[in-house]
N, C-alpha and C. Protein backbone atom coordinates (compact mmCIF):
# COMPACT_ATOMS: atom_id res chain seq x y z
N MET A 1 4.43 -13.61 19.89
CA MET A 1 4.06 -14.72 19.08
C MET A 1 4.94 -14.61 17.78
N LYS A 2 5.68 -15.58 17.43
CA LYS A 2 6.67 -15.51 16.37
C LYS A 2 5.79 -16.00 15.15
N PRO A 3 5.88 -15.29 13.99
CA PRO A 3 5.22 -15.73 12.86
C PRO A 3 5.74 -17.06 12.09
N SER A 4 4.85 -17.91 11.51
CA SER A 4 5.35 -19.13 11.10
C SER A 4 6.03 -18.99 9.74
N ASN A 5 5.97 -17.75 9.02
CA ASN A 5 6.39 -17.86 7.58
C ASN A 5 7.98 -17.10 8.02
N PRO A 6 8.82 -17.93 7.34
CA PRO A 6 10.28 -17.30 7.60
C PRO A 6 10.45 -16.07 6.92
N ARG A 7 9.78 -15.67 5.69
CA ARG A 7 9.95 -14.55 5.10
C ARG A 7 9.03 -13.38 5.52
N TYR A 8 8.42 -13.41 6.62
CA TYR A 8 7.58 -12.55 7.30
C TYR A 8 8.25 -11.08 7.24
N ARG A 9 9.45 -10.97 7.70
CA ARG A 9 10.13 -9.62 7.89
C ARG A 9 10.37 -9.06 6.59
N GLU A 10 10.81 -9.91 5.52
CA GLU A 10 10.84 -9.41 4.21
C GLU A 10 9.62 -8.74 3.61
N ARG A 11 8.62 -9.45 3.85
CA ARG A 11 7.36 -9.03 3.28
C ARG A 11 6.80 -7.73 4.06
N LEU A 12 7.19 -7.45 5.28
CA LEU A 12 6.82 -6.52 5.92
C LEU A 12 7.57 -5.15 5.48
N LEU A 13 8.90 -5.38 5.20
CA LEU A 13 9.67 -4.37 4.71
C LEU A 13 9.34 -3.93 3.32
N VAL A 14 9.04 -4.86 2.44
CA VAL A 14 8.46 -4.59 1.07
C VAL A 14 7.28 -3.86 1.25
N LEU A 15 6.33 -4.13 2.24
CA LEU A 15 5.17 -3.40 2.21
C LEU A 15 5.45 -1.90 2.72
N VAL A 16 6.40 -1.72 3.68
CA VAL A 16 6.69 -0.32 3.96
C VAL A 16 7.34 0.53 2.89
N ILE A 17 8.23 -0.29 2.16
CA ILE A 17 8.83 0.52 1.00
C ILE A 17 7.74 0.73 -0.23
N LEU A 18 6.64 -0.18 -0.19
CA LEU A 18 5.69 0.19 -1.34
C LEU A 18 4.93 1.44 -0.88
N ALA A 19 4.66 1.58 0.43
CA ALA A 19 3.85 2.59 1.02
C ALA A 19 4.58 3.86 0.87
N LEU A 20 5.78 3.74 1.13
CA LEU A 20 6.71 5.05 0.79
C LEU A 20 6.65 5.44 -0.72
N ILE A 21 6.90 4.45 -1.49
CA ILE A 21 6.80 4.84 -2.82
C ILE A 21 5.60 5.54 -3.32
N LEU A 22 4.32 4.83 -2.91
CA LEU A 22 2.97 5.22 -3.24
C LEU A 22 2.60 6.78 -2.72
N PHE A 23 3.35 7.10 -1.48
CA PHE A 23 2.89 8.44 -1.16
C PHE A 23 4.08 9.38 -1.02
N CYS A 24 5.03 9.20 -1.91
CA CYS A 24 6.05 10.11 -1.93
C CYS A 24 5.48 11.36 -2.75
N PRO A 25 5.95 12.50 -2.33
CA PRO A 25 5.61 13.82 -2.82
C PRO A 25 5.71 13.87 -4.30
N PRO A 26 6.77 13.46 -5.02
CA PRO A 26 6.95 13.62 -6.56
C PRO A 26 5.86 12.92 -7.26
N LEU A 27 5.53 11.82 -6.86
CA LEU A 27 4.54 10.99 -7.36
C LEU A 27 3.11 11.54 -7.13
N LEU A 28 2.98 12.14 -5.95
CA LEU A 28 1.61 12.87 -5.73
C LEU A 28 1.60 13.90 -6.61
N LEU A 29 2.51 14.82 -6.77
CA LEU A 29 2.49 15.99 -7.75
C LEU A 29 2.21 15.49 -9.16
N VAL A 30 2.74 14.42 -9.61
CA VAL A 30 2.55 13.94 -11.00
C VAL A 30 0.94 13.53 -11.09
N ILE A 31 0.35 12.87 -10.05
CA ILE A 31 -0.94 12.41 -9.96
C ILE A 31 -1.76 13.59 -9.90
N ASP A 32 -1.36 14.61 -9.27
CA ASP A 32 -2.26 15.87 -9.07
C ASP A 32 -2.49 16.71 -10.41
N ARG A 33 -1.37 16.75 -11.01
CA ARG A 33 -1.36 17.52 -12.33
C ARG A 33 -1.97 16.82 -13.51
N LEU A 34 -2.48 15.42 -13.43
CA LEU A 34 -3.29 14.94 -14.41
C LEU A 34 -4.44 15.67 -15.03
N PRO A 35 -4.62 15.58 -16.41
CA PRO A 35 -5.85 16.17 -16.80
C PRO A 35 -7.04 15.69 -15.94
N THR A 36 -8.11 16.54 -15.51
CA THR A 36 -9.17 16.23 -14.68
C THR A 36 -10.49 16.24 -15.60
N LEU A 37 -11.46 15.45 -15.25
CA LEU A 37 -12.93 15.66 -15.77
C LEU A 37 -13.74 16.46 -15.01
N SER A 38 -14.13 15.89 -13.75
CA SER A 38 -15.08 16.60 -12.82
C SER A 38 -14.41 16.74 -11.54
N ILE A 39 -13.85 15.69 -11.13
CA ILE A 39 -12.91 15.75 -9.77
C ILE A 39 -11.59 15.38 -10.08
N GLY A 40 -10.70 15.81 -9.32
CA GLY A 40 -9.14 15.42 -9.57
C GLY A 40 -8.96 14.00 -9.38
N TRP A 41 -7.76 13.48 -9.81
CA TRP A 41 -7.28 12.23 -9.77
C TRP A 41 -6.72 12.00 -8.57
N LEU A 42 -6.16 13.00 -7.70
CA LEU A 42 -5.55 12.81 -6.46
C LEU A 42 -6.49 12.24 -5.43
N PRO A 43 -7.55 12.55 -5.20
CA PRO A 43 -8.49 11.88 -4.30
C PRO A 43 -8.68 10.55 -4.49
N MET A 44 -8.91 10.09 -5.69
CA MET A 44 -9.11 8.80 -6.05
C MET A 44 -7.87 8.07 -6.04
N TYR A 45 -6.66 8.48 -6.29
CA TYR A 45 -5.32 7.71 -6.23
C TYR A 45 -5.29 7.63 -4.79
N LEU A 46 -5.28 8.51 -3.93
CA LEU A 46 -5.11 8.33 -2.38
C LEU A 46 -5.88 7.35 -1.93
N PHE A 47 -7.23 7.45 -2.19
CA PHE A 47 -8.17 6.46 -1.56
C PHE A 47 -7.67 4.90 -2.22
N CYS A 48 -7.53 4.68 -3.30
CA CYS A 48 -7.21 3.44 -3.72
C CYS A 48 -5.71 2.82 -3.44
N SER A 49 -4.88 3.79 -3.21
CA SER A 49 -3.47 3.28 -2.96
C SER A 49 -3.65 2.97 -1.33
N TRP A 50 -4.36 3.85 -0.57
CA TRP A 50 -4.55 3.50 0.92
C TRP A 50 -5.26 2.35 1.03
N ALA A 51 -6.43 1.96 0.36
CA ALA A 51 -6.97 0.76 0.47
C ALA A 51 -6.21 -0.36 0.10
N LEU A 52 -5.28 -0.23 -0.83
CA LEU A 52 -4.34 -1.30 -1.27
C LEU A 52 -3.35 -1.61 -0.11
N ILE A 53 -2.70 -0.62 0.58
CA ILE A 53 -1.80 -0.70 1.67
C ILE A 53 -2.62 -1.45 2.97
N ILE A 54 -3.80 -1.06 3.17
CA ILE A 54 -4.54 -1.63 4.17
C ILE A 54 -4.99 -3.11 4.03
N GLY A 55 -5.42 -3.36 2.64
CA GLY A 55 -5.60 -4.70 2.09
C GLY A 55 -4.42 -5.55 2.40
N LEU A 56 -3.36 -5.28 1.87
CA LEU A 56 -2.03 -5.95 1.98
C LEU A 56 -1.63 -6.08 3.37
N THR A 57 -1.79 -5.29 4.15
CA THR A 57 -1.43 -5.15 5.58
C THR A 57 -2.23 -6.34 6.18
N ALA A 58 -3.51 -6.09 5.98
CA ALA A 58 -4.43 -7.13 6.69
C ALA A 58 -4.25 -8.81 6.15
N TRP A 59 -3.87 -8.78 4.98
CA TRP A 59 -3.49 -10.10 4.32
C TRP A 59 -2.27 -10.61 5.01
N LEU A 60 -1.26 -9.83 5.15
CA LEU A 60 0.02 -10.26 5.66
C LEU A 60 -0.16 -10.48 7.27
N MET A 61 -0.68 -9.75 8.02
CA MET A 61 -0.81 -9.82 9.32
C MET A 61 -1.67 -11.02 9.76
N GLU A 62 -2.64 -11.47 8.91
CA GLU A 62 -3.65 -12.58 9.21
C GLU A 62 -2.76 -13.87 9.41
N PRO A 63 -2.92 -14.54 10.46
CA PRO A 63 -2.17 -15.70 10.79
C PRO A 63 -2.58 -16.97 9.90
N THR A 64 -1.67 -17.65 9.53
CA THR A 64 -1.82 -18.74 8.64
C THR A 64 -2.13 -20.12 9.51
N THR A 65 -2.94 -20.86 9.16
CA THR A 65 -3.23 -22.07 9.86
C THR A 65 -2.73 -23.18 8.98
N ARG A 66 -1.85 -24.11 9.42
CA ARG A 66 -1.34 -25.13 8.61
C ARG A 66 -2.17 -26.43 9.06
N ARG A 67 -2.60 -27.26 8.08
CA ARG A 67 -3.36 -28.39 8.59
C ARG A 67 -2.61 -29.56 8.28
């Protein structure tokens, strides 16, 4: 099934690059070293960024219907 959007491949590539940037080790180390209150920032960052990637993937993969 071919996607109807001509920019489909570009958006998939940007999504992969965004995921690579969000989960690169230098950024994770910076997030892990932030001052903490009760729990560390790393679990919250990982959860939120993973949810963002999943949400963007679902939005991108959902077929569009033209009326």
